[in-house]
Amino acid sequence: MNAKTLFLGAALTLAFSLPAVAQEADHSGHQMAAEPSASASTQAFMDANAKMHEGMDIPFSGDADVDFVRGMIAHHQGAIDMAKVELEHGKDPAIRKLAEEIITAQEGEIRMMEAWLAKNAK
């Protein structure tokens, strides 16, 4: 068998197998079921992640500014929710301080985005 035939065979195999691999991929979000032995913090992070992804699943308006802000509100709320999990379960003082700073910053940005939407969204 020459190299050209071998290459053609490999290319055809790859071409016909990629659609099957793509169909098997889970594109339903990033939520995975926790193991029964998952820690309380793991479950809390997974819940926050699922809530954030659900909130980011917005009906798009075609206005990039409005769509960006609507999606980012849920994204920022997800950061707040994750920071609260850290404060409930985390131990490292520097990371706990970071979580507190994230909550303060993200809450302020959410207020700004909500005000912007009230003025600019149709």
PDB file of N, CA and C in Angstrom:
ATOM      1  N   MET A   1       0.858  -1.161   0.000  1.00  0.00           N
ATOM      2  CA  MET A   1       0.000   0.000   0.000  1.00  0.00           C
ATOM      3  C   MET A   1       0.909   1.231   0.000  1.00  0.00           C
ATOM      4  N   ASN A   2       0.616   2.169  -0.894  1.00  0.00           N
ATOM      5  CA  ASN A   2       1.464   3.355  -0.941  1.00  0.00           C
ATOM      6  C   ASN A   2       0.958   4.427   0.027  1.00  0.00           C
ATOM      7  N   ALA A   3       1.761   5.439   0.242  1.00  0.00           N
ATOM      8  CA  ALA A   3       1.445   6.488   1.217  1.00  0.00           C
ATOM      9  C   ALA A   3       0.179   7.239   0.838  1.00  0.00           C
ATOM     10  N   LYS A   4      -0.059   7.444  -0.459  1.00  0.00           N
ATOM     11  CA  LYS A   4      -1.250   8.174  -0.913  1.00  0.00           C
ATOM     12  C   LYS A   4      -2.517   7.402  -0.541  1.00  0.00           C
ATOM     13  N   THR A   5      -2.526   6.111  -0.738  1.00  0.00           N
ATOM     14  CA  THR A   5      -3.678   5.277  -0.400  1.00  0.00           C
ATOM     15  C   THR A   5      -3.896   5.257   1.110  1.00  0.00           C
ATOM     16  N   LEU A   6      -2.815   5.144   1.850  1.00  0.00           N
ATOM     17  CA  LEU A   6      -2.902   5.133   3.312  1.00  0.00           C
ATOM     18  C   LEU A   6      -3.471   6.458   3.825  1.00  0.00           C
ATOM     19  N   PHE A   7      -2.984   7.564   3.284  1.00  0.00           N
ATOM     20  CA  PHE A   7      -3.465   8.882   3.682  1.00  0.00           C
ATOM     21  C   PHE A   7      -4.939   9.042   3.345  1.00  0.00           C
ATOM     22  N   LEU A   8      -5.359   8.621   2.157  1.00  0.00           N
ATOM     23  CA  LEU A   8      -6.759   8.723   1.743  1.00  0.00           C
ATOM     24  C   LEU A   8      -7.643   7.896   2.669  1.00  0.00           C
ATOM     25  N   GLY A   9      -7.211   6.722   3.027  1.00  0.00           N
ATOM     26  CA  GLY A   9      -7.984   5.872   3.941  1.00  0.00           C
ATOM     27  C   GLY A   9      -8.139   6.515   5.311  1.00  0.00           C
ATOM     28  N   ALA A  10      -7.061   7.080   5.812  1.00  0.00           N
ATOM     29  CA  ALA A  10      -7.110   7.737   7.125  1.00  0.00           C
ATOM     30  C   ALA A  10      -8.022   8.955   7.075  1.00  0.00           C
ATOM     31  N   ALA A  11      -7.939   9.719   6.004  1.00  0.00           N
ATOM     32  CA  ALA A  11      -8.776  10.914   5.862  1.00  0.00           C
ATOM     33  C   ALA A  11     -10.255  10.545   5.785  1.00  0.00           C
ATOM     34  N   LEU A  12     -10.576   9.503   5.031  1.00  0.00           N
ATOM     35  CA  LEU A  12     -11.975   9.066   4.929  1.00  0.00           C
ATOM     36  C   LEU A  12     -12.492   8.534   6.264  1.00  0.00           C
ATOM     37  N   THR A  13     -11.663   7.798   6.969  1.00  0.00           N
ATOM     38  CA  THR A  13     -12.062   7.290   8.283  1.00  0.00           C
ATOM     39  C   THR A  13     -12.366   8.453   9.226  1.00  0.00           C
ATOM     40  N   LEU A  14     -11.504   9.445   9.240  1.00  0.00           N
ATOM     41  CA  LEU A  14     -11.704  10.614  10.082  1.00  0.00           C
ATOM     42  C   LEU A  14     -12.961  11.374   9.662  1.00  0.00           C
ATOM     43  N   ALA A  15     -13.153  11.567   8.392  1.00  0.00           N
ATOM     44  CA  ALA A  15     -14.311  12.317   7.898  1.00  0.00           C
ATOM     45  C   ALA A  15     -15.624  11.656   8.278  1.00  0.00           C
ATOM     46  N   PHE A  16     -15.666  10.333   8.242  1.00  0.00           N
ATOM     47  CA  PHE A  16     -16.905   9.636   8.565  1.00  0.00           C
ATOM     48  C   PHE A  16     -17.103   9.452  10.072  1.00  0.00           C
ATOM     49  N   SER A  17     -16.044   9.539  10.853  1.00  0.00           N
ATOM     50  CA  SER A  17     -16.196   9.347  12.298  1.00  0.00           C
ATOM     51  C   SER A  17     -16.478  10.647  13.036  1.00  0.00           C
ATOM     52  N   LEU A  18     -16.091  11.792  12.515  1.00  0.00           N
ATOM     53  CA  LEU A  18     -16.298  13.054  13.214  1.00  0.00           C
ATOM     54  C   LEU A  18     -17.771  13.370  13.473  1.00  0.00           C
ATOM     55  N   PRO A  19     -18.678  13.180  12.512  1.00  0.00           N
ATOM     56  CA  PRO A  19     -20.084  13.461  12.821  1.00  0.00           C
ATOM     57  C   PRO A  19     -20.612  12.622  13.983  1.00  0.00           C
ATOM     58  N   ALA A  20     -20.202  11.382  14.078  1.00  0.00           N
ATOM     59  CA  ALA A  20     -20.659  10.528  15.180  1.00  0.00           C
ATOM     60  C   ALA A  20     -20.121  11.043  16.515  1.00  0.00           C
ATOM     61  N   VAL A  21     -18.878  11.478  16.533  1.00  0.00           N
ATOM     62  CA  VAL A  21     -18.295  12.019  17.754  1.00  0.00           C
ATOM     63  C   VAL A  21     -19.025  13.300  18.140  1.00  0.00           C
ATOM     64  N   ALA A  22     -19.319  14.151  17.175  1.00  0.00           N
ATOM     65  CA  ALA A  22     -20.011  15.409  17.464  1.00  0.00           C
ATOM     66  C   ALA A  22     -21.415  15.155  18.002  1.00  0.00           C
ATOM     67  N   GLN A  23     -22.088  14.153  17.494  1.00  0.00           N
ATOM     68  CA  GLN A  23     -23.435  13.847  17.969  1.00  0.00           C
ATOM     69  C   GLN A  23     -23.408  13.341  19.397  1.00  0.00           C
ATOM     70  N   GLU A  24     -22.339  12.661  19.791  1.00  0.00           N
ATOM     71  CA  GLU A  24     -22.252  12.115  21.130  1.00  0.00           C
ATOM     72  C   GLU A  24     -21.866  13.170  22.164  1.00  0.00           C
ATOM     73  N   ALA A  25     -21.338  14.311  21.701  1.00  0.00           N
ATOM     74  CA  ALA A  25     -20.927  15.353  22.634  1.00  0.00           C
ATOM     75  C   ALA A  25     -22.148  15.941  23.321  1.00  0.00           C
ATOM     76  N   ASP A  26     -22.002  16.289  24.589  1.00  0.00           N
ATOM     77  CA  ASP A  26     -23.094  16.891  25.345  1.00  0.00           C
ATOM     78  C   ASP A  26     -22.980  18.399  25.233  1.00  0.00           C
ATOM     79  N   HIS A  27     -23.908  19.000  24.495  1.00  0.00           N
ATOM     80  CA  HIS A  27     -23.911  20.445  24.320  1.00  0.00           C
ATOM     81  C   HIS A  27     -25.047  21.072  25.119  1.00  0.00           C
ATOM     82  N   SER A  28     -25.531  20.406  26.137  1.00  0.00           N
ATOM     83  CA  SER A  28     -26.688  20.881  26.890  1.00  0.00           C
ATOM     84  C   SER A  28     -26.297  21.783  28.053  1.00  0.00           C
ATOM     85  N   GLY A  29     -25.121  22.309  28.055  1.00  0.00           N
ATOM     86  CA  GLY A  29     -24.661  23.123  29.170  1.00  0.00           C
ATOM     87  C   GLY A  29     -23.529  22.409  29.868  1.00  0.00           C
ATOM     88  N   HIS A  30     -23.095  22.986  30.945  1.00  0.00           N
ATOM     89  CA  HIS A  30     -21.930  22.433  31.620  1.00  0.00           C
ATOM     90  C   HIS A  30     -22.286  21.734  32.920  1.00  0.00           C
ATOM     91  N   GLN A  31     -23.561  21.560  33.159  1.00  0.00           N
ATOM     92  CA  GLN A  31     -23.990  20.925  34.395  1.00  0.00           C
ATOM     93  C   GLN A  31     -23.788  19.426  34.303  1.00  0.00           C
ATOM     94  N   MET A  32     -23.159  18.878  35.296  1.00  0.00           N
ATOM     95  CA  MET A  32     -22.975  17.433  35.376  1.00  0.00           C
ATOM     96  C   MET A  32     -23.547  16.990  36.713  1.00  0.00           C
ATOM     97  N   ALA A  33     -24.034  15.788  36.760  1.00  0.00           N
ATOM     98  CA  ALA A  33     -24.565  15.264  38.013  1.00  0.00           C
ATOM     99  C   ALA A  33     -23.430  15.023  38.991  1.00  0.00           C
ATOM    100  N   ALA A  34     -23.644  15.444  40.201  1.00  0.00           N
ATOM    101  CA  ALA A  34     -22.626  15.236  41.227  1.00  0.00           C
ATOM    102  C   ALA A  34     -22.627  13.777  41.639  1.00  0.00           C
ATOM    103  N   GLU A  35     -21.470  13.308  42.000  1.00  0.00           N
ATOM    104  CA  GLU A  35     -21.364  11.971  42.567  1.00  0.00           C
ATOM    105  C   GLU A  35     -22.108  11.974  43.900  1.00  0.00           C
ATOM    106  N   PRO A  36     -22.657  10.849  44.285  1.00  0.00           N
ATOM    107  CA  PRO A  36     -23.355  10.797  45.577  1.00  0.00           C
ATOM    108  C   PRO A  36     -22.487  11.256  46.740  1.00  0.00           C
ATOM    109  N   SER A  37     -21.180  11.090  46.618  1.00  0.00           N
ATOM    110  CA  SER A  37     -20.271  11.482  47.698  1.00  0.00           C
ATOM    111  C   SER A  37     -19.727  12.900  47.525  1.00  0.00           C
ATOM    112  N   ALA A  38     -20.301  13.679  46.589  1.00  0.00           N
ATOM    113  CA  ALA A  38     -19.806  15.031  46.347  1.00  0.00           C
ATOM    114  C   ALA A  38     -19.953  15.868  47.610  1.00  0.00           C
ATOM    115  N   SER A  39     -18.983  16.715  47.841  1.00  0.00           N
ATOM    116  CA  SER A  39     -19.022  17.570  49.019  1.00  0.00           C
ATOM    117  C   SER A  39     -20.136  18.600  48.888  1.00  0.00           C
ATOM    118  N   ALA A  40     -20.489  19.202  49.991  1.00  0.00           N
ATOM    119  CA  ALA A  40     -21.526  20.239  49.985  1.00  0.00           C
ATOM    120  C   ALA A  40     -21.094  21.415  49.107  1.00  0.00           C
ATOM    121  N   SER A  41     -19.809  21.764  49.150  1.00  0.00           N
ATOM    122  CA  SER A  41     -19.355  22.882  48.321  1.00  0.00           C
ATOM    123  C   SER A  41     -19.411  22.531  46.842  1.00  0.00           C
ATOM    124  N   THR A  42     -19.074  21.297  46.484  1.00  0.00           N
ATOM    125  CA  THR A  42     -19.153  20.881  45.083  1.00  0.00           C
ATOM    126  C   THR A  42     -20.585  20.986  44.589  1.00  0.00           C
ATOM    127  N   GLN A  43     -21.526  20.494  45.375  1.00  0.00           N
ATOM    128  CA  GLN A  43     -22.925  20.572  44.966  1.00  0.00           C
ATOM    129  C   GLN A  43     -23.377  22.026  44.855  1.00  0.00           C
ATOM    130  N   ALA A  44     -22.949  22.871  45.791  1.00  0.00           N
ATOM    131  CA  ALA A  44     -23.320  24.289  45.750  1.00  0.00           C
ATOM    132  C   ALA A  44     -22.743  24.974  44.516  1.00  0.00           C
ATOM    133  N   PHE A  45     -21.489  24.652  44.165  1.00  0.00           N
ATOM    134  CA  PHE A  45     -20.894  25.228  42.955  1.00  0.00           C
ATOM    135  C   PHE A  45     -21.641  24.757  41.713  1.00  0.00           C
ATOM    136  N   MET A  46     -22.002  23.482  41.680  1.00  0.00           N
ATOM    137  CA  MET A  46     -22.735  22.952  40.525  1.00  0.00           C
ATOM    138  C   MET A  46     -24.107  23.604  40.402  1.00  0.00           C
ATOM    139  N   ASP A  47     -24.776  23.822  41.514  1.00  0.00           N
ATOM    140  CA  ASP A  47     -26.078  24.489  41.497  1.00  0.00           C
ATOM    141  C   ASP A  47     -25.939  25.926  40.991  1.00  0.00           C
ATOM    142  N   ALA A  48     -24.922  26.640  41.476  1.00  0.00           N
ATOM    143  CA  ALA A  48     -24.691  28.022  41.040  1.00  0.00           C
ATOM    144  C   ALA A  48     -24.389  28.069  39.550  1.00  0.00           C
ATOM    145  N   ASN A  49     -23.600  27.114  39.074  1.00  0.00           N
ATOM    146  CA  ASN A  49     -23.248  27.051  37.661  1.00  0.00           C
ATOM    147  C   ASN A  49     -24.490  26.802  36.797  1.00  0.00           C
ATOM    148  N   ALA A  50     -25.330  25.877  37.231  1.00  0.00           N
ATOM    149  CA  ALA A  50     -26.551  25.575  36.470  1.00  0.00           C
ATOM    150  C   ALA A  50     -27.475  26.782  36.428  1.00  0.00           C
ATOM    151  N   LYS A  51     -27.618  27.461  37.569  1.00  0.00           N
ATOM    152  CA  LYS A  51     -28.470  28.654  37.642  1.00  0.00           C
ATOM    153  C   LYS A  51     -27.935  29.745  36.711  1.00  0.00           C
ATOM    154  N   MET A  52     -26.615  29.932  36.702  1.00  0.00           N
ATOM    155  CA  MET A  52     -26.014  30.951  35.847  1.00  0.00           C
ATOM    156  C   MET A  52     -26.252  30.640  34.377  1.00  0.00           C
ATOM    157  N   HIS A  53     -26.027  29.395  33.985  1.00  0.00           N
ATOM    158  CA  HIS A  53     -26.204  29.036  32.575  1.00  0.00           C
ATOM    159  C   HIS A  53     -27.664  29.166  32.150  1.00  0.00           C
ATOM    160  N   GLU A  54     -28.570  28.828  33.051  1.00  0.00           N
ATOM    161  CA  GLU A  54     -29.995  29.000  32.739  1.00  0.00           C
ATOM    162  C   GLU A  54     -30.313  30.484  32.551  1.00  0.00           C
ATOM    163  N   GLY A  55     -29.779  31.322  33.434  1.00  0.00           N
ATOM    164  CA  GLY A  55     -30.015  32.760  33.331  1.00  0.00           C
ATOM    165  C   GLY A  55     -29.392  33.390  32.100  1.00  0.00           C
ATOM    166  N   MET A  56     -28.291  32.820  31.628  1.00  0.00           N
ATOM    167  CA  MET A  56     -27.630  33.353  30.435  1.00  0.00           C
ATOM    168  C   MET A  56     -28.312  32.899  29.145  1.00  0.00           C
ATOM    169  N   ASP A  57     -29.234  31.970  29.249  1.00  0.00           N
ATOM    170  CA  ASP A  57     -29.960  31.485  28.074  1.00  0.00           C
ATOM    171  C   ASP A  57     -31.100  32.453  27.778  1.00  0.00           C
ATOM    172  N   ILE A  58     -30.747  33.607  27.235  1.00  0.00           N
ATOM    173  CA  ILE A  58     -31.696  34.691  27.004  1.00  0.00           C
ATOM    174  C   ILE A  58     -32.225  34.647  25.574  1.00  0.00           C
ATOM    175  N   PRO A  59     -33.407  35.202  25.347  1.00  0.00           N
ATOM    176  CA  PRO A  59     -33.849  35.386  23.966  1.00  0.00           C
ATOM    177  C   PRO A  59     -33.074  36.574  23.383  1.00  0.00           C
ATOM    178  N   PHE A  60     -32.327  36.336  22.342  1.00  0.00           N
ATOM    179  CA  PHE A  60     -31.506  37.391  21.764  1.00  0.00           C
ATOM    180  C   PHE A  60     -32.367  38.365  20.984  1.00  0.00           C
ATOM    181  N   SER A  61     -32.051  39.658  21.137  1.00  0.00           N
ATOM    182  CA  SER A  61     -32.848  40.722  20.536  1.00  0.00           C
ATOM    183  C   SER A  61     -32.291  41.206  19.201  1.00  0.00           C
ATOM    184  N   GLY A  62     -31.034  40.897  18.935  1.00  0.00           N
ATOM    185  CA  GLY A  62     -30.388  41.447  17.751  1.00  0.00           C
ATOM    186  C   GLY A  62     -29.626  42.728  18.067  1.00  0.00           C
ATOM    187  N   ASP A  63     -29.812  43.275  19.246  1.00  0.00           N
ATOM    188  CA  ASP A  63     -29.078  44.452  19.701  1.00  0.00           C
ATOM    189  C   ASP A  63     -27.924  43.945  20.570  1.00  0.00           C
ATOM    190  N   ALA A  64     -26.719  44.047  20.055  1.00  0.00           N
ATOM    191  CA  ALA A  64     -25.558  43.486  20.750  1.00  0.00           C
ATOM    192  C   ALA A  64     -25.384  44.069  22.147  1.00  0.00           C
ATOM    193  N   ASP A  65     -25.641  45.350  22.306  1.00  0.00           N
ATOM    194  CA  ASP A  65     -25.469  45.971  23.616  1.00  0.00           C
ATOM    195  C   ASP A  65     -26.460  45.390  24.624  1.00  0.00           C
ATOM    196  N   VAL A  66     -27.715  45.313  24.238  1.00  0.00           N
ATOM    197  CA  VAL A  66     -28.761  44.779  25.123  1.00  0.00           C
ATOM    198  C   VAL A  66     -28.495  43.311  25.429  1.00  0.00           C
ATOM    199  N   ASP A  67     -28.179  42.530  24.415  1.00  0.00           N
ATOM    200  CA  ASP A  67     -27.940  41.101  24.616  1.00  0.00           C
ATOM    201  C   ASP A  67     -26.734  40.866  25.527  1.00  0.00           C
ATOM    202  N   PHE A  68     -25.684  41.660  25.329  1.00  0.00           N
ATOM    203  CA  PHE A  68     -24.497  41.544  26.171  1.00  0.00           C
ATOM    204  C   PHE A  68     -24.848  41.815  27.633  1.00  0.00           C
ATOM    205  N   VAL A  69     -25.553  42.910  27.871  1.00  0.00           N
ATOM    206  CA  VAL A  69     -25.882  43.292  29.242  1.00  0.00           C
ATOM    207  C   VAL A  69     -26.808  42.261  29.883  1.00  0.00           C
ATOM    208  N   ARG A  70     -27.805  41.791  29.157  1.00  0.00           N
ATOM    209  CA  ARG A  70     -28.714  40.794  29.718  1.00  0.00           C
ATOM    210  C   ARG A  70     -27.969  39.509  30.096  1.00  0.00           C
ATOM    211  N   GLY A  71     -27.082  39.059  29.231  1.00  0.00           N
ATOM    212  CA  GLY A  71     -26.314  37.859  29.535  1.00  0.00           C
ATOM    213  C   GLY A  71     -25.329  38.075  30.674  1.00  0.00           C
ATOM    214  N   MET A  72     -24.747  39.265  30.727  1.00  0.00           N
ATOM    215  CA  MET A  72     -23.749  39.538  31.764  1.00  0.00           C
ATOM    216  C   MET A  72     -24.365  39.673  33.147  1.00  0.00           C
ATOM    217  N   ILE A  73     -25.618  40.087  33.227  1.00  0.00           N
ATOM    218  CA  ILE A  73     -26.253  40.159  34.541  1.00  0.00           C
ATOM    219  C   ILE A  73     -26.276  38.770  35.168  1.00  0.00           C
ATOM    220  N   ALA A  74     -26.714  37.779  34.408  1.00  0.00           N
ATOM    221  CA  ALA A  74     -26.733  36.403  34.927  1.00  0.00           C
ATOM    222  C   ALA A  74     -25.314  35.906  35.205  1.00  0.00           C
ATOM    223  N   HIS A  75     -24.368  36.274  34.367  1.00  0.00           N
ATOM    224  CA  HIS A  75     -22.980  35.870  34.552  1.00  0.00           C
ATOM    225  C   HIS A  75     -22.430  36.459  35.852  1.00  0.00           C
ATOM    226  N   HIS A  76     -22.693  37.737  36.086  1.00  0.00           N
ATOM    227  CA  HIS A  76     -22.236  38.381  37.320  1.00  0.00           C
ATOM    228  C   HIS A  76     -22.935  37.767  38.538  1.00  0.00           C
ATOM    229  N   GLN A  77     -24.221  37.464  38.411  1.00  0.00           N
ATOM    230  CA  GLN A  77     -24.925  36.833  39.525  1.00  0.00           C
ATOM    231  C   GLN A  77     -24.307  35.472  39.825  1.00  0.00           C
ATOM    232  N   GLY A  78     -23.871  34.771  38.775  1.00  0.00           N
ATOM    233  CA  GLY A  78     -23.180  33.500  38.974  1.00  0.00           C
ATOM    234  C   GLY A  78     -21.892  33.679  39.768  1.00  0.00           C
ATOM    235  N   ALA A  79     -21.165  34.756  39.476  1.00  0.00           N
ATOM    236  CA  ALA A  79     -19.937  35.034  40.230  1.00  0.00           C
ATOM    237  C   ALA A  79     -20.262  35.318  41.695  1.00  0.00           C
ATOM    238  N   ILE A  80     -21.338  36.043  41.937  1.00  0.00           N
ATOM    239  CA  ILE A  80     -21.763  36.328  43.307  1.00  0.00           C
ATOM    240  C   ILE A  80     -22.123  35.032  44.022  1.00  0.00           C
ATOM    241  N   ASP A  81     -22.900  34.201  43.358  1.00  0.00           N
ATOM    242  CA  ASP A  81     -23.317  32.933  43.964  1.00  0.00           C
ATOM    243  C   ASP A  81     -22.117  32.036  44.278  1.00  0.00           C
ATOM    244  N   MET A  82     -21.140  32.002  43.367  1.00  0.00           N
ATOM    245  CA  MET A  82     -19.941  31.207  43.623  1.00  0.00           C
ATOM    246  C   MET A  82     -19.132  31.794  44.773  1.00  0.00           C
ATOM    247  N   ALA A  83     -19.059  33.116  44.848  1.00  0.00           N
ATOM    248  CA  ALA A  83     -18.330  33.762  45.943  1.00  0.00           C
ATOM    249  C   ALA A  83     -19.003  33.448  47.281  1.00  0.00           C
ATOM    250  N   LYS A  84     -20.316  33.374  47.287  1.00  0.00           N
ATOM    251  CA  LYS A  84     -21.032  33.027  48.524  1.00  0.00           C
ATOM    252  C   LYS A  84     -20.731  31.586  48.941  1.00  0.00           C
ATOM    253  N   VAL A  85     -20.561  30.700  47.967  1.00  0.00           N
ATOM    254  CA  VAL A  85     -20.168  29.320  48.293  1.00  0.00           C
ATOM    255  C   VAL A  85     -18.784  29.337  48.943  1.00  0.00           C
ATOM    256  N   GLU A  86     -17.884  30.121  48.400  1.00  0.00           N
ATOM    257  CA  GLU A  86     -16.548  30.236  48.986  1.00  0.00           C
ATOM    258  C   GLU A  86     -16.640  30.735  50.421  1.00  0.00           C
ATOM    259  N   LEU A  87     -17.455  31.754  50.663  1.00  0.00           N
ATOM    260  CA  LEU A  87     -17.571  32.291  52.019  1.00  0.00           C
ATOM    261  C   LEU A  87     -18.175  31.272  52.976  1.00  0.00           C
ATOM    262  N   GLU A  88     -19.056  30.424  52.471  1.00  0.00           N
ATOM    263  CA  GLU A  88     -19.673  29.412  53.322  1.00  0.00           C
ATOM    264  C   GLU A  88     -18.731  28.240  53.610  1.00  0.00           C
ATOM    265  N   HIS A  89     -17.920  27.874  52.622  1.00  0.00           N
ATOM    266  CA  HIS A  89     -17.133  26.645  52.745  1.00  0.00           C
ATOM    267  C   HIS A  89     -15.615  26.858  52.738  1.00  0.00           C
ATOM    268  N   GLY A  90     -15.153  27.985  52.222  1.00  0.00           N
ATOM    269  CA  GLY A  90     -13.718  28.197  52.062  1.00  0.00           C
ATOM    270  C   GLY A  90     -13.028  28.562  53.359  1.00  0.00           C
ATOM    271  N   LYS A  91     -11.737  28.329  53.371  1.00  0.00           N
ATOM    272  CA  LYS A  91     -10.940  28.563  54.582  1.00  0.00           C
ATOM    273  C   LYS A  91      -9.829  29.599  54.391  1.00  0.00           C
ATOM    274  N   ASP A  92      -9.295  29.708  53.174  1.00  0.00           N
ATOM    275  CA  ASP A  92      -8.143  30.575  52.934  1.00  0.00           C
ATOM    276  C   ASP A  92      -8.555  32.049  53.060  1.00  0.00           C
ATOM    277  N   PRO A  93      -7.913  32.794  53.967  1.00  0.00           N
ATOM    278  CA  PRO A  93      -8.302  34.193  54.185  1.00  0.00           C
ATOM    279  C   PRO A  93      -8.197  35.073  52.931  1.00  0.00           C
ATOM    280  N   ALA A  94      -7.167  34.869  52.134  1.00  0.00           N
ATOM    281  CA  ALA A  94      -7.001  35.688  50.931  1.00  0.00           C
ATOM    282  C   ALA A  94      -8.114  35.405  49.919  1.00  0.00           C
ATOM    283  N   ILE A  95      -8.502  34.157  49.773  1.00  0.00           N
ATOM    284  CA  ILE A  95      -9.558  33.804  48.818  1.00  0.00           C
ATOM    285  C   ILE A  95     -10.916  34.252  49.346  1.00  0.00           C
ATOM    286  N   ARG A  96     -11.123  34.161  50.639  1.00  0.00           N
ATOM    287  CA  ARG A  96     -12.374  34.662  51.234  1.00  0.00           C
ATOM    288  C   ARG A  96     -12.491  36.178  51.032  1.00  0.00           C
ATOM    289  N   LYS A  97     -11.378  36.897  51.176  1.00  0.00           N
ATOM    290  CA  LYS A  97     -11.369  38.347  50.934  1.00  0.00           C
ATOM    291  C   LYS A  97     -11.687  38.630  49.474  1.00  0.00           C
ATOM    292  N   LEU A  98     -11.101  37.861  48.587  1.00  0.00           N
ATOM    293  CA  LEU A  98     -11.398  38.005  47.159  1.00  0.00           C
ATOM    294  C   LEU A  98     -12.885  37.788  46.901  1.00  0.00           C
ATOM    295  N   ALA A  99     -13.465  36.769  47.519  1.00  0.00           N
ATOM    296  CA  ALA A  99     -14.895  36.488  47.340  1.00  0.00           C
ATOM    297  C   ALA A  99     -15.738  37.676  47.799  1.00  0.00           C
ATOM    298  N   GLU A 100     -15.366  38.275  48.919  1.00  0.00           N
ATOM    299  CA  GLU A 100     -16.098  39.451  49.408  1.00  0.00           C
ATOM    300  C   GLU A 100     -15.994  40.613  48.428  1.00  0.00           C
ATOM    301  N   GLU A 101     -14.806  40.816  47.871  1.00  0.00           N
ATOM    302  CA  GLU A 101     -14.599  41.889  46.898  1.00  0.00           C
ATOM    303  C   GLU A 101     -15.390  41.629  45.615  1.00  0.00           C
ATOM    304  N   ILE A 102     -15.453  40.374  45.203  1.00  0.00           N
ATOM    305  CA  ILE A 102     -16.218  40.015  44.001  1.00  0.00           C
ATOM    306  C   ILE A 102     -17.690  40.318  44.219  1.00  0.00           C
ATOM    307  N   ILE A 103     -18.214  39.968  45.379  1.00  0.00           N
ATOM    308  CA  ILE A 103     -19.628  40.234  45.663  1.00  0.00           C
ATOM    309  C   ILE A 103     -19.910  41.726  45.568  1.00  0.00           C
ATOM    310  N   THR A 104     -19.088  42.538  46.208  1.00  0.00           N
ATOM    311  CA  THR A 104     -19.291  43.984  46.193  1.00  0.00           C
ATOM    312  C   THR A 104     -19.222  44.539  44.773  1.00  0.00           C
ATOM    313  N   ALA A 105     -18.185  44.164  44.035  1.00  0.00           N
ATOM    314  CA  ALA A 105     -17.999  44.681  42.676  1.00  0.00           C
ATOM    315  C   ALA A 105     -19.124  44.229  41.740  1.00  0.00           C
ATOM    316  N   GLN A 106     -19.459  42.941  41.799  1.00  0.00           N
ATOM    317  CA  GLN A 106     -20.456  42.412  40.866  1.00  0.00           C
ATOM    318  C   GLN A 106     -21.852  42.960  41.167  1.00  0.00           C
ATOM    319  N   GLU A 107     -22.176  43.139  42.449  1.00  0.00           N
ATOM    320  CA  GLU A 107     -23.477  43.727  42.785  1.00  0.00           C
ATOM    321  C   GLU A 107     -23.583  45.144  42.227  1.00  0.00           C
ATOM    322  N   GLY A 108     -22.505  45.916  42.343  1.00  0.00           N
ATOM    323  CA  GLY A 108     -22.498  47.269  41.781  1.00  0.00           C
ATOM    324  C   GLY A 108     -22.647  47.266  40.269  1.00  0.00           C
ATOM    325  N   GLU A 109     -21.966  46.369  39.608  1.00  0.00           N
ATOM    326  CA  GLU A 109     -22.068  46.291  38.148  1.00  0.00           C
ATOM    327  C   GLU A 109     -23.456  45.828  37.712  1.00  0.00           C
ATOM    328  N   ILE A 110     -24.060  44.909  38.467  1.00  0.00           N
ATOM    329  CA  ILE A 110     -25.421  44.480  38.139  1.00  0.00           C
ATOM    330  C   ILE A 110     -26.379  45.666  38.251  1.00  0.00           C
ATOM    331  N   ARG A 111     -26.254  46.452  39.320  1.00  0.00           N
ATOM    332  CA  ARG A 111     -27.123  47.634  39.462  1.00  0.00           C
ATOM    333  C   ARG A 111     -26.955  48.580  38.273  1.00  0.00           C
ATOM    334  N   MET A 112     -25.705  48.803  37.858  1.00  0.00           N
ATOM    335  CA  MET A 112     -25.445  49.683  36.722  1.00  0.00           C
ATOM    336  C   MET A 112     -26.071  49.123  35.443  1.00  0.00           C
ATOM    337  N   MET A 113     -25.919  47.807  35.223  1.00  0.00           N
ATOM    338  CA  MET A 113     -26.465  47.199  34.009  1.00  0.00           C
ATOM    339  C   MET A 113     -27.989  47.220  34.015  1.00  0.00           C
ATOM    340  N   GLU A 114     -28.597  46.987  35.169  1.00  0.00           N
ATOM    341  CA  GLU A 114     -30.058  47.041  35.249  1.00  0.00           C
ATOM    342  C   GLU A 114     -30.561  48.451  34.963  1.00  0.00           C
ATOM    343  N   ALA A 115     -29.863  49.460  35.464  1.00  0.00           N
ATOM    344  CA  ALA A 115     -30.236  50.849  35.178  1.00  0.00           C
ATOM    345  C   ALA A 115     -30.076  51.143  33.689  1.00  0.00           C
ATOM    346  N   TRP A 116     -28.996  50.647  33.106  1.00  0.00           N
ATOM    347  CA  TRP A 116     -28.768  50.860  31.675  1.00  0.00           C
ATOM    348  C   TRP A 116     -29.881  50.210  30.860  1.00  0.00           C
ATOM    349  N   LEU A 117     -30.246  48.982  31.224  1.00  0.00           N
ATOM    350  CA  LEU A 117     -31.335  48.303  30.502  1.00  0.00           C
ATOM    351  C   LEU A 117     -32.640  49.062  30.623  1.00  0.00           C
ATOM    352  N   ALA A 118     -32.929  49.589  31.801  1.00  0.00           N
ATOM    353  CA  ALA A 118     -34.176  50.333  32.002  1.00  0.00           C
ATOM    354  C   ALA A 118     -34.255  51.526  31.058  1.00  0.00           C
ATOM    355  N   LYS A 119     -33.113  52.120  30.736  1.00  0.00           N
ATOM    356  CA  LYS A 119     -33.089  53.287  29.853  1.00  0.00           C
ATOM    357  C   LYS A 119     -32.969  52.917  28.377  1.00  0.00           C
ATOM    358  N   ASN A 120     -32.337  51.790  28.073  1.00  0.00           N
ATOM    359  CA  ASN A 120     -31.931  51.513  26.685  1.00  0.00           C
ATOM    360  C   ASN A 120     -32.577  50.307  26.041  1.00  0.00           C
ATOM    361  N   ALA A 121     -33.108  49.388  26.806  1.00  0.00           N
ATOM    362  CA  ALA A 121     -33.691  48.183  26.192  1.00  0.00           C
ATOM    363  C   ALA A 121     -35.089  48.503  25.701  1.00  0.00           C
ATOM    364  N   LYS A 122     -35.396  47.942  24.579  1.00  0.00           N
ATOM    365  CA  LYS A 122     -36.714  48.197  23.975  1.00  0.00           C
ATOM    366  C   LYS A 122     -37.695  47.160  24.409  1.00  0.00           C
TER     367      LYS A 122
END
